Protein backbone atom coordinates (compact mmCIF):
# COMPACT_ATOMS: atom_id res chain seq x y z
CA UNK A 1 102.62 115.01 111.87
CA UNK A 2 102.37 111.22 111.60
CA UNK A 3 98.98 109.57 112.14
CA UNK A 4 100.79 106.75 113.90
CA UNK A 5 101.58 109.03 116.85
CA UNK A 6 99.05 111.87 116.62
CA UNK A 7 96.57 110.48 119.17
CA UNK A 8 98.22 107.42 120.74
CA UNK A 9 101.08 106.51 123.01
CA UNK A 10 103.88 104.59 121.32
CA UNK A 11 103.45 100.84 121.54
CA UNK A 12 100.16 100.95 123.49
CA UNK A 13 96.59 100.15 122.61
CA UNK A 14 94.11 103.04 123.08
CA UNK A 15 92.01 103.22 126.22
CA UNK A 16 89.10 101.35 124.66
CA UNK A 17 86.72 98.82 126.14
CA UNK A 18 88.24 96.38 123.67
CA UNK A 19 91.76 96.91 125.00
CA UNK A 20 90.52 96.62 128.59
CA UNK A 21 88.87 93.26 127.88
CA UNK A 22 91.32 91.82 125.34
CA UNK A 23 93.04 88.50 125.84
CA UNK A 24 96.54 89.33 127.14
CA UNK A 25 99.20 89.15 124.44
CA UNK A 26 102.90 89.40 125.27
CA UNK A 27 104.69 91.90 123.01
CA UNK A 28 106.50 90.54 120.00
CA UNK A 29 110.19 91.37 119.62
CA UNK A 30 111.39 94.57 118.01
CA UNK A 31 113.27 94.37 114.72
CA UNK A 32 116.99 94.91 115.11
CA UNK A 33 119.62 94.64 112.40
CA UNK A 34 119.29 92.81 109.11
CA UNK A 35 116.61 90.16 108.50
CA UNK A 36 115.95 88.15 105.34
CA UNK A 37 112.46 86.95 104.33
CA UNK A 38 110.57 85.72 101.31
CA UNK A 39 107.82 88.23 102.07
CA UNK A 40 107.89 91.40 104.21
CA UNK A 41 104.46 92.63 105.32
CA UNK A 42 104.05 96.20 106.53
CA UNK A 43 101.10 96.51 108.91
CA UNK A 44 99.74 94.25 111.63
CA UNK A 45 95.98 94.63 111.14
CA UNK A 46 93.57 92.10 109.65
CA UNK A 47 95.04 92.34 106.14
CA UNK A 48 98.66 91.90 107.19
CA UNK A 49 97.99 89.25 109.83
CA UNK A 50 95.79 87.21 107.51
CA UNK A 51 98.41 87.43 104.75
CA UNK A 52 101.11 86.37 107.23
CA UNK A 53 99.05 83.39 108.39
CA UNK A 54 98.18 82.16 104.92
CA UNK A 55 101.71 82.65 103.60
CA UNK A 56 103.30 80.90 106.57
CA UNK A 57 100.91 78.00 106.16
CA UNK A 58 102.16 77.70 102.55
CA UNK A 59 105.76 77.50 103.74
CA UNK A 60 106.91 81.06 103.03
CA UNK A 61 109.41 82.80 105.29
CA UNK A 62 107.41 85.83 106.46
CA UNK A 63 108.44 88.97 108.40
CA UNK A 64 105.61 91.26 109.51
CA UNK A 65 106.41 94.78 110.74
CA UNK A 66 103.91 96.61 112.99
CA UNK A 67 104.65 100.13 114.21
CA UNK A 68 102.80 99.72 117.55
CA UNK A 69 101.05 96.47 118.59
CA UNK A 70 99.26 93.97 116.37
CA UNK A 71 95.66 95.12 115.92
CA UNK A 72 96.64 98.62 116.99
CA UNK A 73 94.80 100.47 114.19
CA UNK A 74 91.27 100.18 112.86
CA UNK A 75 91.41 96.37 113.22
CA UNK A 76 91.40 96.64 117.00
CA UNK A 77 89.08 99.64 117.37
CA UNK A 78 86.14 99.18 114.99
CA UNK A 79 82.49 98.36 115.60
CA UNK A 80 83.08 94.63 115.17
CA UNK A 81 80.44 94.20 112.47
CA UNK A 82 80.93 91.39 109.94
CA UNK A 83 78.71 92.55 107.13
CA UNK A 84 77.40 90.83 104.01
CA UNK A 85 78.51 91.57 100.46
CA UNK A 86 80.63 94.59 99.63
CA UNK A 87 80.46 98.17 100.87
CA UNK A 88 78.54 99.03 97.69
CA UNK A 89 75.19 97.37 97.15
CA UNK A 90 74.82 94.88 94.31
CA UNK A 91 72.66 97.26 92.25
CA UNK A 92 75.50 99.75 92.16
CA UNK A 93 78.08 97.07 91.44
CA UNK A 94 76.02 95.70 88.57
CA UNK A 95 75.98 99.17 87.02
CA UNK A 96 79.68 99.68 87.68
CA UNK A 97 81.12 96.37 86.46
CA UNK A 98 78.28 94.31 85.01
CA UNK A 99 76.34 91.38 86.41
CA UNK A 100 78.96 88.62 86.04
CA UNK A 101 81.62 90.56 87.95
CA UNK A 102 79.07 91.77 90.48
CA UNK A 103 78.20 88.13 91.20
CA UNK A 104 81.88 87.31 91.73
CA UNK A 105 82.14 90.23 94.18
CA UNK A 106 79.07 89.02 96.07
CA UNK A 107 80.60 85.55 96.31
CA UNK A 108 83.82 87.06 97.67
CA UNK A 109 81.80 88.87 100.34
CA UNK A 110 80.14 85.64 101.34
CA UNK A 111 83.50 83.85 101.44
CA UNK A 112 84.92 86.64 103.60
CA UNK A 113 82.27 86.14 106.30
CA UNK A 114 82.77 82.39 106.24
CA UNK A 115 86.56 82.80 106.46
CA UNK A 116 86.27 84.87 109.64
CA UNK A 117 84.15 82.20 111.29
CA UNK A 118 86.35 79.35 110.01
CA UNK A 119 89.52 81.00 111.34
CA UNK A 120 87.98 81.55 114.75
CA UNK A 121 87.04 77.87 114.97
CA UNK A 122 90.19 76.43 113.40
CA UNK A 123 92.55 78.35 115.69
CA UNK A 124 90.41 78.37 118.84
CA UNK A 125 90.58 82.16 118.90
CA UNK A 126 89.58 84.13 122.01
CA UNK A 127 86.66 85.57 120.09
CA UNK A 128 82.98 84.69 119.77
CA UNK A 129 81.06 85.35 116.58
CA UNK A 130 77.46 86.44 117.17
CA UNK A 131 74.97 86.38 114.24
CA UNK A 132 72.71 89.27 113.29
CA UNK A 133 72.99 92.85 112.01
CA UNK A 134 69.94 95.09 111.79
CA UNK A 135 69.71 97.91 109.29
CA UNK A 136 67.71 100.85 110.72
CA UNK A 137 66.19 103.42 108.35
CA UNK A 138 65.41 107.04 109.21
CA UNK A 139 62.98 107.61 106.34
CA UNK A 140 60.14 105.71 104.67
CA UNK A 141 61.85 105.73 101.26
CA UNK A 142 64.89 104.08 102.83
CA UNK A 143 62.65 101.37 104.31
CA UNK A 144 61.17 100.74 100.89
CA UNK A 145 64.66 100.51 99.40
CA UNK A 146 65.90 98.10 102.08
CA UNK A 147 62.91 95.82 101.59
CA UNK A 148 63.33 95.85 97.79
CA UNK A 149 67.02 95.14 98.17
CA UNK A 150 66.35 92.16 100.44
CA UNK A 151 63.96 90.84 97.77
CA UNK A 152 66.59 91.37 95.07
CA UNK A 153 69.29 89.50 96.98
CA UNK A 154 66.92 86.57 97.54
CA UNK A 155 65.78 86.53 93.91
CA UNK A 156 69.04 87.23 92.06
CA UNK A 157 71.71 85.97 94.44
CA UNK A 158 69.95 83.23 96.39
CA UNK A 159 70.58 85.03 99.69
CA UNK A 160 67.59 84.49 101.99
CA UNK A 161 69.06 85.60 105.33
CA UNK A 162 67.57 89.11 105.34
CA UNK A 163 64.10 89.68 106.82
CA UNK A 164 62.36 93.01 106.05
CA UNK A 165 61.03 94.80 109.13
CA UNK A 166 58.30 97.39 109.40
CA UNK A 167 58.53 99.99 112.13
CA UNK A 168 56.90 97.83 114.80
CA UNK A 169 59.03 94.79 113.95
CA UNK A 170 62.25 96.84 114.04
CA UNK A 171 61.26 98.42 117.36
CA UNK A 172 60.69 94.96 118.78
CA UNK A 173 64.45 94.45 118.28
CA UNK A 174 65.74 98.04 118.41
CA UNK A 175 63.46 100.04 120.74
CA UNK A 176 64.13 103.50 119.32
CA UNK A 177 61.46 105.84 118.02
CA UNK A 178 63.92 107.35 115.56
CA UNK A 179 63.50 104.74 112.85
CA UNK A 180 60.74 103.93 110.38
CA UNK A 181 61.73 100.30 109.76
CA UNK A 182 64.53 98.35 108.13
CA UNK A 183 65.70 94.77 108.04
CA UNK A 184 67.68 92.13 109.94
CA UNK A 185 70.48 90.16 108.27
CA UNK A 186 70.93 86.90 110.19
CA UNK A 187 73.75 85.89 107.85
CA UNK A 188 75.93 88.76 109.06
CA UNK A 189 77.31 89.09 112.56
CA UNK A 190 79.58 90.80 115.07
CA UNK A 191 82.59 90.07 117.28
CA UNK A 192 85.26 91.53 119.58
CA UNK A 193 87.52 93.07 116.93
CA UNK A 194 90.75 93.30 118.94
CA UNK A 195 90.48 89.71 120.15
CA UNK A 196 90.02 88.62 116.54
CA UNK A 197 93.22 90.49 115.58
CA UNK A 198 95.04 88.93 118.52
CA UNK A 199 93.78 85.51 117.42
CA UNK A 200 95.11 86.09 113.91
CA UNK A 201 98.47 87.17 115.31
CA UNK A 202 98.77 84.09 117.50
CA UNK A 203 97.78 81.84 114.58
CA UNK A 204 100.31 83.49 112.28
CA UNK A 205 103.09 83.18 114.83
CA UNK A 206 102.22 79.54 115.50
CA UNK A 207 102.42 78.92 111.74
CA UNK A 208 105.98 80.28 111.69
CA UNK A 209 105.61 83.92 110.69
CA UNK A 210 108.02 86.34 112.40
CA UNK A 211 106.04 89.24 113.89
CA UNK A 212 107.83 92.41 114.95
CA UNK A 213 106.22 95.20 116.97
CA UNK A 214 107.47 98.74 117.48
CA UNK A 215 108.85 98.59 113.94
CA UNK A 216 108.01 101.87 112.22
CA UNK A 217 108.75 101.56 108.51
CA UNK A 218 110.07 104.83 107.09
CA UNK A 219 111.50 103.80 103.73
CA UNK A 220 111.36 101.08 101.10
CA UNK A 221 114.12 100.64 98.52
CA UNK A 222 112.53 98.93 95.55
CA UNK A 223 114.23 96.34 93.38
CA UNK A 224 114.39 92.64 92.69
CA UNK A 225 115.18 92.36 96.39
CA UNK A 226 113.28 95.06 98.28
CA UNK A 227 114.79 96.61 101.40
CA UNK A 228 112.22 97.69 104.00
CA UNK A 229 113.85 100.00 106.55
CA UNK A 230 112.92 100.84 110.11
CA UNK A 231 114.75 102.96 112.67
CA UNK A 232 116.68 99.99 114.09
CA UNK A 233 116.87 97.48 111.28
CA UNK A 234 115.75 96.39 107.84
CA UNK A 235 114.21 93.44 106.07
CA UNK A 236 115.42 92.20 102.69
CA UNK A 237 112.59 90.46 100.87
CA UNK A 238 111.60 89.08 97.48
CA UNK A 239 108.04 90.39 97.93
CA UNK A 240 106.49 93.24 99.93
CA UNK A 241 102.86 93.54 101.05
CA UNK A 242 101.68 96.97 102.12
CA UNK A 243 98.80 96.43 104.57
CA UNK A 244 98.77 99.88 106.17
CA UNK A 245 95.21 101.06 105.41
CA UNK A 246 94.76 104.49 107.08
CA UNK A 247 98.34 104.57 108.39
CA UNK A 248 100.19 104.39 105.06
CA UNK A 249 101.69 107.85 105.39
CA UNK A 250 104.13 108.57 102.58
CA UNK A 251 105.23 105.01 101.84
CA UNK A 252 103.56 104.92 98.43
CA UNK A 253 102.04 107.79 96.45
CA UNK A 254 100.03 105.61 94.06
CA UNK A 255 98.07 104.18 96.97
CA UNK A 256 97.84 107.48 98.85
CA UNK A 257 96.16 109.13 95.84
CA UNK A 258 93.33 106.58 95.99
CA UNK A 259 93.00 105.79 99.71
CA UNK A 260 91.98 108.45 102.20
CA UNK A 261 92.41 108.18 106.00
CA UNK A 262 89.50 109.40 108.14
CA UNK A 263 88.74 109.16 111.85
CA UNK A 264 85.75 107.51 113.49
CA UNK A 265 84.75 107.26 117.15
CA UNK A 266 83.12 104.93 119.66
CA UNK A 267 81.97 105.24 123.26
CA UNK A 268 81.08 102.60 125.84
CA UNK A 269 78.50 103.28 128.51
CA UNK A 270 78.52 101.89 132.03
CA UNK A 271 76.82 98.47 132.22
CA UNK A 272 73.11 98.98 131.61
CA UNK A 273 71.79 96.23 133.86
CA UNK A 274 68.01 95.97 133.63
CA UNK A 275 67.96 98.97 131.28
CA UNK A 276 69.50 96.93 128.47
CA UNK A 277 65.98 96.37 127.13
CA UNK A 278 65.87 100.12 126.33
CA UNK A 279 68.66 99.55 123.80
CA UNK A 280 68.48 96.09 122.22
CA UNK A 281 66.26 93.10 122.78
CA UNK A 282 68.47 90.59 120.99
CA UNK A 283 72.23 90.15 120.80
CA UNK A 284 72.58 91.78 117.40
CA UNK A 285 74.49 94.72 116.00
CA UNK A 286 72.84 97.70 114.30
CA UNK A 287 73.83 100.21 111.64
CA UNK A 288 71.62 103.02 110.38
CA UNK A 289 71.20 105.00 107.16
CA UNK A 290 72.91 108.24 108.09
CA UNK A 291 75.64 109.20 105.62
CA UNK A 292 78.00 109.28 108.59
CA UNK A 293 76.72 105.97 109.88
CA UNK A 294 75.69 105.34 113.49
CA UNK A 295 76.44 101.76 114.56
CA UNK A 296 76.14 99.91 117.85
CA UNK A 297 75.90 96.66 119.75
CA UNK A 298 76.07 95.40 123.32
CA UNK A 299 79.24 94.30 125.06
CA UNK A 300 79.48 91.02 126.93
CA UNK A 301 78.78 92.91 130.17
CA UNK A 302 75.79 94.77 128.65
CA UNK A 303 77.37 98.13 127.94
CA UNK A 304 76.22 100.01 124.87
CA UNK A 305 79.11 100.30 122.41
CA UNK A 306 77.98 103.14 120.15
CA UNK A 307 79.93 104.49 117.18
CA UNK A 308 79.32 107.70 115.30
CA UNK A 309 80.87 110.90 114.06
CA UNK A 310 83.89 111.45 111.87
CA UNK A 311 86.78 113.87 111.61
CA UNK A 312 89.41 114.58 109.00
CA UNK A 313 93.00 115.46 109.72
CA UNK A 314 95.32 114.38 112.49
CA UNK A 315 93.97 115.30 115.93
CA UNK A 316 90.83 113.71 117.35
CA UNK A 317 88.07 116.02 118.64
CA UNK A 318 86.27 115.69 122.00
CA UNK A 319 85.12 112.11 121.43
CA UNK A 320 82.44 111.93 124.12
CA UNK A 321 80.81 115.13 122.87
CA UNK A 322 81.09 113.95 119.26
CA UNK A 323 79.42 110.59 119.87
CA UNK A 324 76.99 111.41 122.67
CA UNK A 325 74.95 113.67 120.36
CA UNK A 326 73.99 110.96 117.80
CA UNK A 327 73.65 108.37 120.59
CA UNK A 328 71.03 110.49 122.33
CA UNK A 329 69.21 111.09 119.04
CA UNK A 330 68.73 107.35 118.87
CA UNK A 331 68.29 106.70 122.62
CA UNK A 332 67.29 109.91 124.45
CA UNK A 333 66.46 107.92 127.60
CA UNK A 334 70.20 107.24 128.11
CA UNK A 335 70.96 110.90 128.92
CA UNK A 336 71.83 109.97 132.50
CA UNK A 337 74.00 106.93 131.71
CA UNK A 338 77.74 107.52 132.29
CA UNK A 339 80.26 107.08 129.49
CA UNK A 340 83.15 104.97 130.77
CA UNK A 341 85.30 104.62 127.65
CA UNK A 342 85.79 106.77 124.53
CA UNK A 343 88.19 106.09 121.71
CA UNK A 344 88.83 106.94 118.11
CA UNK A 345 90.60 105.25 115.26
CA UNK A 346 91.76 105.91 111.73
CA UNK A 347 90.28 103.85 108.93
CA UNK A 348 90.54 104.42 105.18
CA UNK A 349 88.01 105.07 102.44
CA UNK A 350 88.12 105.18 98.67
CA UNK A 351 86.20 107.39 96.25
CA UNK A 352 83.82 104.60 95.24
CA UNK A 353 83.91 102.78 98.63
CA UNK A 354 85.36 99.61 97.12
CA UNK A 355 88.64 98.25 98.45
CA UNK A 356 91.79 99.35 96.67
CA UNK A 357 93.98 96.48 95.42
CA UNK A 358 97.17 97.67 93.73
CA UNK A 359 100.51 96.39 92.52
CA UNK A 360 102.53 99.64 92.73
CA UNK A 361 105.79 97.82 91.88
CA UNK A 362 106.40 94.40 90.26
CA UNK A 363 107.04 92.67 93.58
CA UNK A 364 104.86 94.90 95.82
CA UNK A 365 101.18 94.23 96.53
CA UNK A 366 98.70 96.31 98.52
CA UNK A 367 95.12 96.07 99.73
CA UNK A 368 93.38 98.80 101.75
CA UNK A 369 90.51 101.32 101.75
CA UNK A 370 87.77 99.03 103.02
CA UNK A 371 85.53 102.05 103.76
CA UNK A 372 84.02 100.73 106.98
CA UNK A 373 83.43 97.20 105.66
CA UNK A 374 86.78 95.72 106.56
CA UNK A 375 86.46 93.08 109.27
CA UNK A 376 85.61 90.31 106.82
CA UNK A 377 86.93 91.81 103.60
CA UNK A 378 90.36 92.72 105.01
CA UNK A 379 90.71 89.18 106.33
CA UNK A 380 89.93 87.75 102.92
CA UNK A 381 92.19 90.33 101.32
CA UNK A 382 95.12 88.89 103.27
CA UNK A 383 94.36 85.46 101.84
CA UNK A 384 94.08 86.87 98.32
CA UNK A 385 97.38 88.71 98.69
CA UNK A 386 99.00 85.43 99.80
CA UNK A 387 97.60 83.76 96.68
CA UNK A 388 99.03 86.49 94.47
CA UNK A 389 102.49 86.12 96.01
CA UNK A 390 102.27 82.46 95.02
CA UNK A 391 101.45 83.45 91.40
CA UNK A 392 97.74 82.66 91.76
CA UNK A 393 96.64 86.18 91.00
CA UNK A 394 93.22 85.69 89.42
CA UNK A 395 91.28 87.01 92.41
CA UNK A 396 93.79 89.79 93.09
CA UNK A 397 93.54 90.87 89.45
CA UNK A 398 89.74 90.83 89.63
CA UNK A 399 89.79 93.28 92.54
CA UNK A 400 92.70 95.31 91.15
CA UNK A 401 90.71 95.71 87.92
CA UNK A 402 87.82 97.51 89.60
CA UNK A 403 87.48 101.23 88.83
CA UNK A 404 89.55 103.02 91.46
CA UNK A 405 89.48 106.80 90.89
CA UNK A 406 92.03 109.08 92.50
CA UNK A 407 90.87 111.64 95.04
CA UNK A 408 90.65 115.11 93.44
CA UNK A 409 93.83 117.01 94.18
CA UNK A 410 95.75 113.86 95.11
CA UNK A 411 97.14 113.21 98.56
CA UNK A 412 97.72 116.89 99.34
CA UNK A 413 94.20 118.19 98.63
CA UNK A 414 92.04 115.20 99.51
CA UNK A 415 91.40 116.26 103.12
CA UNK A 416 90.09 119.81 102.49
CA UNK A 417 87.99 118.63 99.56
CA UNK A 418 86.60 115.73 101.57
CA UNK A 419 85.70 118.09 104.41
CA UNK A 420 83.63 120.16 101.98
CA UNK A 421 81.86 117.08 100.65
CA UNK A 422 81.18 115.60 104.10
CA UNK A 423 79.85 118.94 105.35
CA UNK A 424 77.32 118.84 102.52
CA UNK A 425 76.22 115.28 103.29
CA UNK A 426 76.01 116.01 107.01
CA UNK A 427 73.73 118.94 106.19
CA UNK A 428 71.52 116.60 104.17
CA UNK A 429 71.36 114.25 107.16
CA UNK A 430 70.25 117.09 109.44
CA UNK A 431 67.65 118.34 106.96
CA UNK A 432 66.25 114.83 106.41
CA UNK A 433 67.43 114.80 102.77
């Protein structure tokens, strides 16, 4: 079974609140026959669209192939959080790669957030960036860690946008009795993720990139001139960028051994009206410290958009049942509030939760596996891939040089082994670790 078609109708966005409220975008043409390009990009999410935009602005002839619609995958379905730094905290990065490289990675994370905001402004995108992400801790030791980490970032990295919160201060923002405290990062933010993808697509097209939808890539013939084949045509290109993330399938085994697709889910409630104060008292996003993270924010019409729960494999479970349980653990008073939308999406993780940058063939580049931290980082990844195509590969090589272990058992065994591991971590969550 192909993840591209396991849970979705061909060429259609899922029935999400994002899709319902997205800025209308006329479909791009399908690929038919032979096309020539300097660069062929496979995948129309943040990575591919950002790469297409930055390459087209440099004068490259770009053809982007998307199997469904631009922003169809995780880019159009996620929680919309634009987080600081990398998925791993700086303490862990310092141990992994040393302080100088950890500082470079922090700076890349800061640049990624700024790039998202700059692109929204520069291209008048139909997307509003809202500052603020709170980090909500279930246990006292997690509160102590979050406060110490905020102090470290201020001391060692000059980042002073995080305010530690005790339980009362967190509850003043996030009125849930579940949490012991946490922090608020005013330098992070949140947005409408599908509208951001649509904005990137419009900007790339306006810059001259050729975007093709309904173009399912099933084969790549490698060589000095690569041939990227779909059912109804092919692209001949000097360079190929694989920007498939969780929807790579069997296009490249080197990437598949290191990048694992998993499913995550979100629900939207009916508009909360006056009850919005039961959920959030500021227009911020929230993520908590569960291993399978709960994350949420308010929509423009004051619905709760709440994400939680994961699955592994092809078919999605009962999404409302999967997400309602953690939602009511956080907000039990919402037991009577209807769920109006429920959707899932496939993202990709790596073993160490850092993005996977690879050059699997001399003229093929790939970036994926953002591990839930992809809105900003995937956007910057597209820019870095564009730099590497233009022989400015210093930043690509920095990220490609990070340790990137294979999943045990490779692509065939990664799912069953991950299920065992995630079952263990879920048990720890339930037992309070």
